[in-house]
N, C-alpha and C. Protein backbone atom coordinates (compact mmCIF):
# COMPACT_ATOMS: atom_id res chain seq x y z
N MET A 1 -50.47 36.04 12.46
CA MET A 1 -48.94 35.91 12.92
C MET A 1 -48.57 36.14 14.79
N GLU A 2 -47.82 35.65 14.91
CA GLU A 2 -47.41 35.20 15.94
C GLU A 2 -46.15 35.64 16.68
N SER A 3 -45.99 35.94 17.71
CA SER A 3 -45.20 36.50 18.49
C SER A 3 -45.09 36.17 20.04
N GLY A 4 -43.70 36.19 20.62
CA GLY A 4 -44.41 36.37 22.31
C GLY A 4 -43.44 34.98 22.83
N TRP A 5 -43.82 34.89 24.02
CA TRP A 5 -43.64 33.72 24.82
C TRP A 5 -43.35 32.30 24.90
N ASP A 6 -42.95 31.87 23.85
CA ASP A 6 -42.98 30.24 23.90
C ASP A 6 -41.58 29.86 24.25
N PHE A 7 -41.38 28.91 24.43
CA PHE A 7 -40.15 27.83 25.20
C PHE A 7 -38.80 28.55 24.56
N GLY A 8 -38.96 28.94 23.60
CA GLY A 8 -37.45 29.57 22.57
C GLY A 8 -37.26 31.21 23.70
N THR A 9 -38.12 31.53 23.74
CA THR A 9 -38.18 32.93 24.18
C THR A 9 -37.70 33.07 25.69
N ILE A 10 -38.37 32.06 26.40
CA ILE A 10 -38.08 31.70 28.01
C ILE A 10 -36.70 31.80 28.19
N ASN A 11 -36.36 30.34 27.34
CA ASN A 11 -34.92 29.79 26.85
C ASN A 11 -33.60 30.98 26.64
N ASN A 12 -34.52 31.90 25.79
CA ASN A 12 -33.35 32.99 25.14
C ASN A 12 -33.03 33.92 26.66
N LEU A 13 -34.01 34.17 27.41
CA LEU A 13 -33.75 35.04 28.27
C LEU A 13 -33.30 34.57 29.33
N ILE A 14 -33.15 33.11 29.60
CA ILE A 14 -32.40 32.42 31.06
C ILE A 14 -30.99 32.93 30.37
N GLN A 15 -30.88 32.07 29.29
CA GLN A 15 -29.49 32.66 28.58
C GLN A 15 -28.97 34.22 28.38
N ASP A 16 -29.41 35.09 28.04
CA ASP A 16 -29.40 36.35 28.42
C ASP A 16 -28.69 36.84 30.07
N ALA A 17 -29.76 36.23 30.73
CA ALA A 17 -29.45 36.60 32.12
C ALA A 17 -28.00 35.92 32.52
N LEU A 18 -28.02 34.58 32.05
CA LEU A 18 -26.81 33.54 32.42
C LEU A 18 -25.74 34.63 32.05
N TRP A 19 -25.21 34.91 30.57
CA TRP A 19 -24.64 35.84 29.87
C TRP A 19 -24.16 37.06 30.74
N ALA A 20 -25.07 38.02 31.19
CA ALA A 20 -25.40 39.14 31.61
C ALA A 20 -24.28 38.91 32.83
N SER A 21 -24.84 37.71 33.61
CA SER A 21 -24.26 37.71 35.05
C SER A 21 -22.96 37.28 35.17
N ALA A 22 -22.26 36.67 34.13
CA ALA A 22 -21.32 36.04 33.92
C ALA A 22 -20.31 37.24 33.51
N LEU A 23 -20.76 37.89 32.74
CA LEU A 23 -20.13 39.17 32.20
C LEU A 23 -20.22 40.75 33.65
N ALA A 24 -20.94 40.39 34.45
CA ALA A 24 -21.25 41.16 35.57
C ALA A 24 -19.86 41.06 36.69
N ILE A 25 -19.17 39.26 36.58
CA ILE A 25 -18.49 38.75 37.64
C ILE A 25 -17.27 39.06 37.20
N TRP A 26 -17.36 39.22 35.72
CA TRP A 26 -16.15 39.12 34.95
C TRP A 26 -15.67 40.64 35.20
N ILE A 27 -16.51 41.74 34.96
CA ILE A 27 -16.20 43.06 35.23
C ILE A 27 -15.54 43.19 36.74
N TRP A 28 -16.52 42.49 37.47
CA TRP A 28 -16.12 43.06 39.12
C TRP A 28 -14.68 42.52 39.27
N ARG A 29 -14.06 41.39 38.72
CA ARG A 29 -12.75 40.46 39.03
C ARG A 29 -11.92 41.89 38.38
N LYS A 30 -12.23 42.30 37.31
CA LYS A 30 -11.29 43.17 36.18
C LYS A 30 -10.85 44.55 37.21
N VAL A 31 -12.19 44.98 37.70
CA VAL A 31 -12.22 45.91 38.85
C VAL A 31 -11.04 45.90 39.99
N GLN A 32 -11.70 44.32 40.66
CA GLN A 32 -10.73 44.26 41.72
C GLN A 32 -9.40 43.99 41.62
N ALA A 33 -9.13 43.68 40.31
CA ALA A 33 -7.51 43.40 39.86
C ALA A 33 -6.74 44.61 39.69
N LYS A 34 -7.55 45.83 39.83
CA LYS A 34 -6.86 46.94 39.82
C LYS A 34 -6.49 47.61 40.96
N LYS A 35 -7.06 46.96 42.17
CA LYS A 35 -6.52 47.39 43.78
C LYS A 35 -5.01 47.08 43.82
N PRO A 36 -4.68 47.60 44.89
CA PRO A 36 -3.09 47.38 45.03
C PRO A 36 -3.06 46.19 45.40
N GLY A 37 -1.95 45.04 45.54
CA GLY A 37 -1.73 44.04 45.94
C GLY A 37 -2.71 42.52 45.17
N VAL A 38 -3.63 42.91 44.14
CA VAL A 38 -4.13 41.82 43.63
C VAL A 38 -3.40 41.95 41.94
N PRO A 39 -2.67 40.41 41.72
CA PRO A 39 -2.17 40.29 40.59
C PRO A 39 -3.15 40.68 39.22
N ALA A 40 -2.53 41.37 38.35
CA ALA A 40 -3.30 42.13 36.78
C ALA A 40 -4.11 40.69 36.39
N MET A 41 -4.62 41.16 35.66
CA MET A 41 -5.72 40.02 34.66
C MET A 41 -4.37 39.24 33.90
N SER A 42 -4.70 38.03 33.57
CA SER A 42 -4.14 37.42 32.50
C SER A 42 -4.63 37.67 30.93
N SER A 43 -4.09 37.48 29.63
CA SER A 43 -4.50 37.71 28.39
C SER A 43 -5.47 36.60 28.45
N ALA A 44 -5.62 35.49 28.85
CA ALA A 44 -6.77 34.44 29.05
C ALA A 44 -8.01 34.68 29.76
N SER A 45 -7.93 35.84 30.95
CA SER A 45 -8.97 36.67 31.28
C SER A 45 -9.44 37.20 30.19
N LYS A 46 -8.69 37.95 29.58
CA LYS A 46 -9.03 38.95 28.86
C LYS A 46 -9.82 38.46 27.68
N LEU A 47 -9.42 36.68 27.15
CA LEU A 47 -10.18 36.15 26.08
C LEU A 47 -11.66 35.75 26.64
N VAL A 48 -11.72 35.56 27.53
CA VAL A 48 -13.01 35.18 28.47
C VAL A 48 -13.88 36.51 28.67
N GLY A 49 -13.32 37.62 28.53
CA GLY A 49 -14.18 38.84 28.70
C GLY A 49 -14.75 39.01 27.12
N ILE A 50 -14.06 38.95 26.23
CA ILE A 50 -14.39 39.23 24.75
C ILE A 50 -15.78 37.79 24.40
N ALA A 51 -15.47 36.62 24.75
CA ALA A 51 -16.13 35.31 24.74
C ALA A 51 -17.33 35.91 25.55
N LEU A 52 -17.57 36.25 26.69
CA LEU A 52 -18.81 36.95 27.30
C LEU A 52 -19.61 37.86 26.70
N ILE A 53 -18.82 38.98 26.10
CA ILE A 53 -19.62 40.25 25.36
C ILE A 53 -20.05 39.57 24.30
N ALA A 54 -19.13 38.70 23.50
CA ALA A 54 -19.95 38.44 22.16
C ALA A 54 -21.16 37.52 22.42
N GLY A 55 -20.97 36.51 23.48
CA GLY A 55 -22.19 35.55 24.06
C GLY A 55 -23.31 36.24 24.24
N LEU A 56 -22.96 37.25 24.91
CA LEU A 56 -24.24 38.16 25.31
C LEU A 56 -25.04 38.95 24.07
N ILE A 57 -24.03 39.52 23.13
CA ILE A 57 -24.58 40.02 21.94
C ILE A 57 -25.24 39.13 20.86
N VAL A 58 -24.91 38.32 20.84
CA VAL A 58 -25.57 36.98 20.41
C VAL A 58 -26.80 36.67 20.64
N SER A 59 -26.86 36.15 21.57
CA SER A 59 -27.96 35.69 22.56
C SER A 59 -29.07 36.95 22.60
N SER A 60 -28.53 37.84 22.84
CA SER A 60 -29.68 39.69 22.57
C SER A 60 -30.18 39.40 21.21
N VAL A 61 -29.49 39.46 20.51
CA VAL A 61 -30.15 39.42 18.82
C VAL A 61 -30.73 38.33 18.66
N SER A 62 -30.42 37.15 18.99
CA SER A 62 -31.63 36.01 19.10
C SER A 62 -32.70 36.32 19.56
N LEU A 63 -32.82 37.05 21.02
CA LEU A 63 -34.05 37.22 21.68
C LEU A 63 -34.64 38.25 20.86
N TYR A 64 -34.57 39.37 20.36
CA TYR A 64 -34.65 40.32 19.74
C TYR A 64 -35.58 39.51 18.73
N PHE A 65 -35.16 38.73 17.62
CA PHE A 65 -35.78 37.93 16.63
C PHE A 65 -36.62 37.19 17.25
N ASN A 66 -36.79 36.68 18.32
CA ASN A 66 -37.89 35.65 18.79
C ASN A 66 -38.93 36.32 19.18
N PHE A 67 -38.82 38.05 19.10
CA PHE A 67 -40.26 38.77 19.19
C PHE A 67 -40.67 39.48 17.94
N GLN A 68 -39.97 39.03 17.08
CA GLN A 68 -40.52 39.67 15.56
C GLN A 68 -41.55 38.56 15.22
N PRO A 69 -42.60 39.33 14.49
CA PRO A 69 -43.87 38.21 14.36
C PRO A 69 -43.23 37.53 13.14
N ARG A 70 -44.06 36.22 13.56
CA ARG A 70 -43.90 35.28 12.42
C ARG A 70 -45.10 34.67 11.76
N VAL A 71 -44.87 34.54 10.47
CA VAL A 71 -45.63 34.43 9.66
C VAL A 71 -46.31 32.79 9.76
N THR A 72 -47.39 32.29 10.13
CA THR A 72 -47.51 31.24 10.34
C THR A 72 -48.24 30.38 9.19
N GLU A 73 -49.09 31.12 8.08
CA GLU A 73 -49.85 30.68 6.89
C GLU A 73 -49.87 31.82 6.10
N LYS A 74 -50.30 31.18 4.85
CA LYS A 74 -50.14 32.22 3.83
C LYS A 74 -51.74 32.15 3.25
N THR A 75 -51.76 33.50 2.84
CA THR A 75 -53.31 33.80 2.63
C THR A 75 -52.97 34.24 0.84
N VAL A 76 -53.77 33.36 -0.09
CA VAL A 76 -53.81 33.56 -1.30
C VAL A 76 -55.41 34.15 -1.61
N THR A 77 -54.83 35.07 -2.61
CA THR A 77 -56.23 35.81 -2.99
C THR A 77 -56.47 35.34 -4.39
N VAL A 78 -57.90 34.65 -4.42
CA VAL A 78 -58.38 34.28 -5.99
C VAL A 78 -59.39 35.41 -6.06
N THR A 79 -58.84 35.53 -7.26
CA THR A 79 -59.26 36.61 -8.27
C THR A 79 -60.71 36.33 -8.96
N GLU A 80 -61.01 34.96 -9.24
CA GLU A 80 -62.38 34.69 -9.52
C GLU A 80 -62.61 33.09 -9.05
N PRO A 81 -63.57 33.08 -9.45
CA PRO A 81 -64.21 31.62 -8.31
C PRO A 81 -64.06 30.50 -9.27
N TYR A 82 -63.83 29.41 -8.56
CA TYR A 82 -63.72 28.21 -8.98
C TYR A 82 -64.59 27.48 -9.49
N LYS A 83 -64.82 27.17 -11.05
CA LYS A 83 -65.55 26.98 -11.56
C LYS A 83 -66.00 25.48 -11.62
N TYR A 84 -65.30 24.87 -11.07
CA TYR A 84 -65.16 23.36 -11.44
C TYR A 84 -66.03 22.48 -9.84
N LYS A 85 -66.89 23.50 -9.18
CA LYS A 85 -67.52 23.04 -8.05
C LYS A 85 -68.32 21.39 -8.20
N TRP A 86 -68.06 20.92 -6.97
CA TRP A 86 -68.60 19.47 -7.30
C TRP A 86 -70.12 19.83 -7.05
N LEU A 87 -70.90 18.91 -7.95
CA LEU A 87 -72.71 19.70 -7.36
C LEU A 87 -73.01 18.35 -6.63
N GLY A 88 -72.25 17.58 -6.08
CA GLY A 88 -72.88 16.52 -4.88
C GLY A 88 -73.22 15.24 -5.65
N ASP A 89 -73.14 14.37 -4.72
CA ASP A 89 -73.52 12.84 -5.24
C ASP A 89 -74.84 12.23 -5.80
N THR A 90 -75.70 13.17 -6.50
CA THR A 90 -77.16 13.15 -6.69
C THR A 90 -76.88 12.12 -8.04
N PRO A 91 -77.62 11.65 -8.37
CA PRO A 91 -77.81 10.90 -9.71
C PRO A 91 -77.76 11.76 -10.76
N PRO A 92 -76.86 11.40 -11.85
CA PRO A 92 -77.00 12.00 -13.07
C PRO A 92 -78.34 13.20 -13.40
N SER A 93 -78.64 14.32 -13.67
CA SER A 93 -79.63 14.94 -14.11
C SER A 93 -80.33 14.94 -15.42
N SER A 94 -79.58 14.58 -16.46
CA SER A 94 -79.67 14.25 -17.94
C SER A 94 -79.49 13.10 -18.63
N LEU A 95 -80.79 12.45 -19.06
CA LEU A 95 -80.84 11.18 -19.34
C LEU A 95 -80.20 11.26 -21.14
N VAL A 96 -79.27 10.48 -21.44
CA VAL A 96 -79.29 10.31 -23.32
C VAL A 96 -79.18 8.96 -23.36
N SER A 97 -80.40 8.54 -24.57
CA SER A 97 -80.44 6.98 -24.85
C SER A 97 -80.81 6.98 -26.17
N ASP A 98 -80.14 6.08 -26.50
CA ASP A 98 -80.55 5.43 -27.93
C ASP A 98 -80.07 6.57 -29.18
N ARG A 99 -78.78 6.97 -28.90
CA ARG A 99 -78.24 8.23 -29.76
C ARG A 99 -77.00 7.50 -30.32
N PHE A 100 -76.88 8.39 -31.56
CA PHE A 100 -75.29 8.42 -32.51
C PHE A 100 -74.84 9.47 -32.36
N PHE A 101 -73.25 8.96 -31.81
CA PHE A 101 -72.38 10.43 -31.66
C PHE A 101 -71.37 10.21 -32.60
N ASP A 102 -70.74 11.22 -33.65
CA ASP A 102 -70.07 10.92 -34.42
C ASP A 102 -68.87 12.20 -34.58
N ASP A 103 -67.87 12.12 -34.76
CA ASP A 103 -66.33 13.04 -34.59
C ASP A 103 -67.05 13.95 -33.71
N GLU A 104 -67.30 14.13 -32.42
CA GLU A 104 -67.84 15.21 -31.45
C GLU A 104 -67.17 15.34 -30.43
N GLU A 105 -67.74 16.21 -29.91
CA GLU A 105 -67.08 16.28 -28.05
C GLU A 105 -68.11 15.74 -27.59
N VAL A 106 -68.54 14.95 -26.51
CA VAL A 106 -69.27 14.34 -25.82
C VAL A 106 -69.18 14.66 -24.29
N PRO A 107 -69.89 15.57 -23.54
CA PRO A 107 -70.06 16.09 -22.51
C PRO A 107 -70.35 14.83 -21.27
N LEU A 108 -69.61 14.75 -20.47
CA LEU A 108 -70.19 13.45 -19.47
C LEU A 108 -70.54 14.03 -17.92
N ASP A 109 -69.98 15.01 -17.47
CA ASP A 109 -70.63 15.44 -16.21
C ASP A 109 -72.12 15.34 -16.27
N GLY A 110 -72.73 14.93 -15.09
CA GLY A 110 -74.14 14.93 -15.03
C GLY A 110 -75.18 14.39 -15.89
N LYS A 111 -74.50 13.70 -16.73
CA LYS A 111 -75.20 12.85 -17.74
C LYS A 111 -75.16 11.57 -17.62
N SER A 112 -76.17 10.84 -18.23
CA SER A 112 -76.84 9.29 -18.26
C SER A 112 -76.74 9.11 -19.81
N TYR A 113 -75.75 7.93 -20.20
CA TYR A 113 -75.46 7.56 -21.49
C TYR A 113 -75.52 6.03 -21.53
N ILE A 114 -77.18 5.31 -22.32
CA ILE A 114 -77.49 4.58 -21.81
C ILE A 114 -77.76 3.98 -23.92
N ASN A 115 -77.54 3.04 -24.15
CA ASN A 115 -77.93 2.64 -25.47
C ASN A 115 -77.44 3.31 -26.26
N CYS A 116 -76.12 3.89 -26.38
CA CYS A 116 -75.51 4.85 -27.34
C CYS A 116 -74.72 4.30 -28.27
N THR A 117 -74.78 4.80 -29.52
CA THR A 117 -73.48 4.29 -30.01
C THR A 117 -72.09 5.48 -30.30
N PHE A 118 -71.32 5.57 -30.16
CA PHE A 118 -70.05 6.75 -30.32
C PHE A 118 -68.90 6.04 -31.18
N THR A 119 -68.99 7.02 -31.99
CA THR A 119 -67.47 7.07 -33.15
C THR A 119 -66.78 7.92 -32.91
N ASN A 120 -65.44 7.81 -32.83
CA ASN A 120 -64.21 8.55 -33.12
C ASN A 120 -64.71 9.98 -32.24
N VAL A 121 -65.12 10.10 -30.78
CA VAL A 121 -65.56 11.01 -30.18
C VAL A 121 -64.59 11.49 -29.27
N THR A 122 -64.53 12.74 -28.29
CA THR A 122 -63.89 13.00 -27.12
C THR A 122 -64.61 13.18 -26.05
N PHE A 123 -64.51 12.58 -25.21
CA PHE A 123 -65.37 12.72 -23.91
C PHE A 123 -64.46 13.52 -23.12
N VAL A 124 -65.48 14.44 -22.46
CA VAL A 124 -65.05 15.18 -21.84
C VAL A 124 -65.90 15.19 -20.40
N TYR A 125 -65.11 15.26 -19.45
CA TYR A 125 -65.41 15.42 -18.27
C TYR A 125 -64.60 16.19 -17.51
N ASP A 126 -65.20 17.19 -16.82
CA ASP A 126 -64.66 17.84 -15.81
C ASP A 126 -64.65 17.45 -14.25
N GLY A 127 -64.96 16.72 -13.92
CA GLY A 127 -65.50 16.28 -12.69
C GLY A 127 -66.17 17.28 -12.04
N THR A 128 -67.52 17.56 -12.33
CA THR A 128 -68.32 18.31 -11.54
C THR A 128 -69.38 17.78 -10.79
N ALA A 129 -70.10 16.42 -11.58
CA ALA A 129 -71.00 15.55 -11.24
C ALA A 129 -70.76 14.39 -11.55
N PRO A 130 -71.31 13.56 -11.09
CA PRO A 130 -71.21 11.95 -11.15
C PRO A 130 -71.88 11.57 -12.69
N MET A 131 -71.56 10.64 -13.47
CA MET A 131 -72.01 10.18 -14.48
C MET A 131 -72.64 8.81 -14.84
N VAL A 132 -73.21 8.44 -15.95
CA VAL A 132 -73.66 7.27 -16.04
C VAL A 132 -73.18 6.74 -17.50
N PHE A 133 -72.76 5.67 -17.69
CA PHE A 133 -72.25 5.00 -18.63
C PHE A 133 -72.07 3.69 -18.91
N SER A 134 -73.84 3.27 -19.92
CA SER A 134 -74.34 1.98 -19.46
C SER A 134 -75.11 1.36 -20.63
N HIS A 135 -74.45 0.17 -21.19
CA HIS A 135 -74.78 -0.75 -22.50
C HIS A 135 -74.72 0.49 -23.93
N ASN A 136 -73.42 1.20 -24.01
CA ASN A 136 -73.17 1.90 -24.84
C ASN A 136 -71.99 0.76 -25.89
N SER A 137 -71.96 1.60 -26.71
CA SER A 137 -70.94 0.94 -28.09
C SER A 137 -69.94 2.07 -28.53
N VAL A 138 -68.79 1.34 -28.39
CA VAL A 138 -67.61 2.99 -28.92
C VAL A 138 -66.98 1.95 -30.11
N PHE A 139 -66.62 2.82 -30.94
CA PHE A 139 -66.22 2.28 -32.39
C PHE A 139 -65.20 3.43 -32.88
N GLY A 140 -64.03 2.76 -33.77
CA GLY A 140 -63.55 3.86 -34.29
C GLY A 140 -62.25 4.04 -32.82
N GLY A 141 -61.83 5.34 -32.74
CA GLY A 141 -61.14 5.70 -31.46
C GLY A 141 -62.03 6.60 -30.89
N PHE A 142 -61.37 6.60 -29.49
CA PHE A 142 -61.94 7.79 -28.75
C PHE A 142 -60.79 8.23 -27.88
N LYS A 143 -61.05 9.75 -27.25
CA LYS A 143 -60.10 10.85 -26.61
C LYS A 143 -61.02 10.96 -25.25
N ILE A 144 -60.14 11.59 -24.46
CA ILE A 144 -60.65 12.13 -23.10
C ILE A 144 -59.85 13.40 -23.03
N LYS A 145 -60.91 14.35 -22.78
CA LYS A 145 -60.32 16.10 -22.51
C LYS A 145 -61.44 16.15 -21.13
N SER A 146 -60.57 17.08 -20.44
CA SER A 146 -60.96 17.95 -19.56
C SER A 146 -60.55 19.23 -19.44
N ASN A 147 -61.48 20.29 -19.53
CA ASN A 147 -61.06 21.71 -19.02
C ASN A 147 -61.01 21.96 -17.64
N ASN A 148 -61.00 20.83 -16.53
CA ASN A 148 -60.73 21.19 -15.25
C ASN A 148 -59.28 20.89 -14.71
N PRO A 149 -58.40 21.86 -14.65
CA PRO A 149 -56.94 21.59 -14.57
C PRO A 149 -56.60 20.46 -13.47
N SER A 150 -57.19 20.05 -12.50
CA SER A 150 -57.22 19.14 -11.63
C SER A 150 -57.48 17.81 -12.52
N VAL A 151 -58.70 17.70 -12.85
CA VAL A 151 -59.21 16.70 -13.56
C VAL A 151 -57.90 16.25 -14.61
N GLU A 152 -57.58 17.35 -15.35
CA GLU A 152 -56.66 17.07 -16.62
C GLU A 152 -55.40 16.63 -16.02
N ALA A 153 -55.08 17.01 -14.62
CA ALA A 153 -53.84 16.64 -14.14
C ALA A 153 -53.82 14.82 -13.83
N SER A 154 -54.99 14.67 -13.25
CA SER A 154 -55.22 13.40 -12.87
C SER A 154 -55.35 12.24 -13.97
N LEU A 155 -55.91 12.64 -15.14
CA LEU A 155 -55.56 11.88 -16.40
C LEU A 155 -54.22 11.92 -16.81
N ILE A 156 -53.26 12.90 -16.90
CA ILE A 156 -51.99 12.89 -17.13
C ILE A 156 -51.19 12.09 -16.09
N PHE A 157 -51.71 12.16 -15.05
CA PHE A 157 -51.14 11.09 -13.88
C PHE A 157 -51.16 9.88 -14.56
N LEU A 158 -52.53 9.84 -14.77
CA LEU A 158 -52.42 8.17 -14.73
C LEU A 158 -52.25 7.55 -16.41
N TYR A 159 -52.05 8.57 -17.18
CA TYR A 159 -51.54 8.17 -18.47
C TYR A 159 -50.17 8.04 -18.02
N GLY A 160 -49.41 8.92 -17.48
CA GLY A 160 -48.08 8.62 -17.30
C GLY A 160 -47.83 7.33 -16.44
N PHE A 161 -48.54 6.81 -15.82
CA PHE A 161 -48.31 5.38 -15.08
C PHE A 161 -48.62 4.29 -15.88
N GLY A 162 -49.35 4.39 -17.11
CA GLY A 162 -49.47 2.99 -18.16
C GLY A 162 -51.15 2.95 -17.69
N VAL A 163 -51.77 3.42 -16.67
CA VAL A 163 -53.07 3.02 -16.18
C VAL A 163 -53.99 2.97 -17.27
N LEU A 164 -54.04 4.60 -17.81
CA LEU A 164 -54.83 4.81 -19.04
C LEU A 164 -54.13 4.77 -20.26
N LYS A 165 -54.51 3.93 -20.90
CA LYS A 165 -54.02 3.74 -22.76
C LYS A 165 -54.74 4.43 -23.58
N ILE A 166 -55.58 5.28 -23.37
CA ILE A 166 -56.11 6.01 -23.98
C ILE A 166 -55.65 7.42 -24.27
N PRO A 167 -55.96 8.23 -25.30
CA PRO A 167 -55.25 9.31 -25.73
C PRO A 167 -55.78 10.45 -25.03
N ILE A 168 -55.18 11.68 -24.57
CA ILE A 168 -55.70 13.06 -23.53
C ILE A 168 -55.72 13.91 -24.63
N VAL A 169 -56.59 14.57 -24.61
CA VAL A 169 -56.65 15.75 -25.27
C VAL A 169 -56.40 16.90 -24.38
N LYS A 170 -55.19 17.48 -24.88
CA LYS A 170 -54.85 18.79 -23.85
C LYS A 170 -55.52 19.65 -24.10
N SER A 171 -55.87 20.71 -22.95
CA SER A 171 -56.78 22.07 -23.09
C SER A 171 -56.36 22.85 -22.16
N GLY A 172 -55.35 22.87 -21.21
CA GLY A 172 -55.08 23.67 -20.56
C GLY A 172 -53.16 24.28 -20.78
N THR A 173 -52.69 24.72 -19.78
CA THR A 173 -51.31 24.94 -20.52
C THR A 173 -50.55 24.28 -19.12
N HIS A 174 -51.00 23.31 -18.50
CA HIS A 174 -50.16 22.44 -17.73
C HIS A 174 -49.46 21.43 -18.28
N THR A 175 -48.65 20.63 -17.80
CA THR A 175 -47.48 19.42 -18.27
C THR A 175 -47.73 18.82 -19.40
N PRO A 176 -46.75 19.62 -20.29
CA PRO A 176 -46.88 18.80 -21.98
C PRO A 176 -46.66 17.40 -22.04
N LEU A 177 -47.93 17.24 -22.88
CA LEU A 177 -48.03 15.53 -22.77
C LEU A 177 -47.13 14.83 -23.46
N GLU A 178 -46.24 15.73 -24.70
CA GLU A 178 -45.05 15.16 -25.54
C GLU A 178 -43.79 14.65 -24.28
N HIS A 179 -43.68 15.18 -23.10
CA HIS A 179 -42.80 15.12 -21.53
C HIS A 179 -43.62 13.43 -20.91
N ILE A 180 -44.84 12.95 -21.08
CA ILE A 180 -45.01 12.02 -20.51
C ILE A 180 -45.20 10.92 -21.26
N GLU A 181 -44.45 9.85 -20.91
CA GLU A 181 -43.86 8.35 -21.82
C GLU A 181 -44.33 7.47 -20.49
N PRO A 182 -45.69 6.77 -20.56
CA PRO A 182 -45.80 5.32 -19.64
C PRO A 182 -44.71 4.56 -19.85
N PRO A 183 -44.58 3.96 -18.57
CA PRO A 183 -43.20 3.35 -18.14
C PRO A 183 -43.53 1.92 -18.76
N SER A 184 -42.60 1.05 -19.23
CA SER A 184 -42.76 -0.38 -19.62
C SER A 184 -42.87 -1.43 -18.49
N TYR A 185 -44.14 -1.99 -17.91
CA TYR A 185 -43.89 -2.69 -17.04
C TYR A 185 -43.10 -4.13 -17.30
N SER A 186 -42.58 -4.82 -16.32
CA SER A 186 -42.39 -6.39 -17.00
C SER A 186 -42.18 -6.77 -15.35
N LYS A 187 -42.73 -8.34 -15.80
CA LYS A 187 -42.73 -9.07 -14.46
C LYS A 187 -41.00 -9.42 -14.18
N PRO A 188 -41.19 -9.55 -12.78
CA PRO A 188 -39.20 -9.74 -12.25
C PRO A 188 -39.40 -11.29 -13.00
N HIS A 189 -37.62 -11.60 -12.93
CA HIS A 189 -37.22 -12.69 -13.21
C HIS A 189 -37.62 -13.91 -12.39
N SER A 190 -37.73 -15.26 -12.30
CA SER A 190 -38.16 -15.97 -11.58
C SER A 190 -37.07 -16.96 -11.30
């Protein structure tokens, strides 16, 4: 939190000094007008006095608020640690080769899949570690799933723009997939 002497505060102090000086001059002229032989103040002069008083009050209120603490950042309290921390750009630590996967969830984080066969699987990627996927075969259909809300939102984004054409398995309570419709792209007419 921050308050105090910035350009706005100094400007406000100068305004207050000018308003106070103008008010003092107006009061002095009003007092002088009561002396014998000096003409009385006109109604226009009274309106000027009211405007001076109003200006001084508004400027003083503004100065008061200039000295109030300002919130410059928001503090968020995290009740549980973020469990999807990136583990680094090291090669995948687990090698899986020459295996068959059928109708199951296949975790991708930190794994190397080489010469494997996947049939009707759901690939699960939480974005915590790199993966390798090389010389594999995929049969039937497959889906993509993530338990990480950030990765899931990225998948939905890519699906929503038509970049990702495969089905996404929804795991969280984020944007409902039934409201995501990829656009139809067409070439402009020549």
